[in-house]
Amino acid sequence: MDKWAQRKPVFMRIVLAALPLLGFLVCGAVAMGLLEQWSLIDAAYFTFTTGSTIGYGDLSPTTAGSKLFCMVFIPVSYTHLTL
């Protein structure tokens, strides 16, 4: 049995575990980009730093819709990241 065949099940488990997290962060970035009219890069940066509780504070929500979204997104992302 070659090395790839031995590592493939572990690799697939890692990929399958990371996909929901990646999808969650992408959805959050798209939502923040639309709500705040930010570029996708800025929205992804904000989503990652906020979701991982780093929160530098250089970007912050300004509209009522984005603040409401963050009130839901932050606890859910924190829970999602710790699983």
Protein backbone atom coordinates (compact mmCIF):
# COMPACT_ATOMS: atom_id res chain seq x y z
CA MET A 1 0.00 0.00 0.00
CA ASP A 2 1.47 3.36 -0.97
CA LYS A 3 1.71 6.33 1.37
CA TRP A 4 -1.15 8.29 -0.26
CA ALA A 5 -3.54 5.40 0.22
CA GLN A 6 -2.67 5.34 3.91
CA ARG A 7 -3.06 9.11 4.34
CA LYS A 8 -6.17 9.56 2.20
CA PRO A 9 -8.75 8.72 4.93
CA VAL A 10 -7.14 11.19 7.36
CA PHE A 11 -6.91 13.87 4.67
CA MET A 12 -10.56 13.41 3.72
CA ARG A 13 -11.65 13.69 7.35
CA ILE A 14 -9.73 16.94 7.72
CA VAL A 15 -11.23 18.35 4.52
CA LEU A 16 -14.74 17.30 5.50
CA ALA A 17 -14.31 18.87 8.94
CA ALA A 18 -13.02 22.15 7.46
CA LEU A 19 -15.70 22.58 4.77
CA PRO A 20 -18.55 23.66 7.07
CA LEU A 21 -16.29 26.17 8.81
CA LEU A 22 -15.08 27.56 5.51
CA GLY A 23 -18.64 27.77 4.20
CA PHE A 24 -19.77 29.55 7.34
CA LEU A 25 -16.99 32.13 7.06
CA VAL A 26 -17.66 32.69 3.34
CA CYS A 27 -21.38 33.20 4.00
CA GLY A 28 -20.56 35.67 6.75
CA ALA A 29 -18.16 37.54 4.48
CA VAL A 30 -20.72 37.77 1.69
CA ALA A 31 -23.40 38.98 4.11
CA MET A 32 -21.15 41.64 5.65
CA GLY A 33 -19.96 42.72 2.21
CA LEU A 34 -23.54 43.27 1.10
CA LEU A 35 -24.70 44.89 4.34
CA GLU A 36 -21.75 47.28 4.68
CA GLN A 37 -20.83 47.72 0.99
CA TRP A 38 -17.32 46.44 1.74
CA SER A 39 -15.04 44.65 -0.70
CA LEU A 40 -14.97 40.89 -0.38
CA ILE A 41 -11.44 41.04 1.04
CA ASP A 42 -12.44 43.52 3.76
CA ALA A 43 -15.57 41.54 4.57
CA ALA A 44 -13.63 38.25 4.76
CA TYR A 45 -10.99 39.91 6.97
CA PHE A 46 -13.69 41.31 9.28
CA THR A 47 -15.52 37.98 9.39
CA PHE A 48 -12.40 36.02 10.27
CA THR A 49 -11.10 38.44 12.88
CA THR A 50 -14.52 38.84 14.46
CA GLY A 51 -15.45 35.16 14.29
CA SER A 52 -12.19 34.07 15.82
CA THR A 53 -12.60 36.71 18.56
CA ILE A 54 -9.42 38.55 17.57
CA GLY A 55 -11.35 41.73 16.73
CA TYR A 56 -8.76 44.38 15.91
CA GLY A 57 -11.44 47.07 15.62
CA ASP A 58 -10.21 48.61 12.38
CA LEU A 59 -13.45 47.59 10.67
CA SER A 60 -16.76 47.72 12.50
CA PRO A 61 -20.42 47.47 11.53
CA THR A 62 -22.15 50.80 11.04
CA THR A 63 -25.65 49.97 9.80
CA ALA A 64 -28.44 48.57 11.94
CA GLY A 65 -28.67 45.47 9.74
CA SER A 66 -24.99 44.66 10.00
CA LYS A 67 -25.01 45.21 13.77
CA LEU A 68 -27.93 42.81 14.10
CA PHE A 69 -26.14 40.31 11.86
CA CYS A 70 -23.03 40.54 14.07
CA MET A 71 -25.12 40.00 17.21
CA VAL A 72 -26.11 36.62 15.79
CA PHE A 73 -22.92 35.83 13.88
CA ILE A 74 -20.43 36.29 16.72
CA PRO A 75 -21.90 33.79 19.21
CA VAL A 76 -22.65 31.28 16.46
CA SER A 77 -19.16 31.59 14.97
CA TYR A 78 -17.55 31.26 18.38
CA THR A 79 -19.53 28.09 19.01
CA HIS A 80 -18.80 26.81 15.52
CA LEU A 81 -15.07 27.44 15.82
CA THR A 82 -14.76 25.67 19.15
CA LEU A 83 -16.37 22.48 17.89
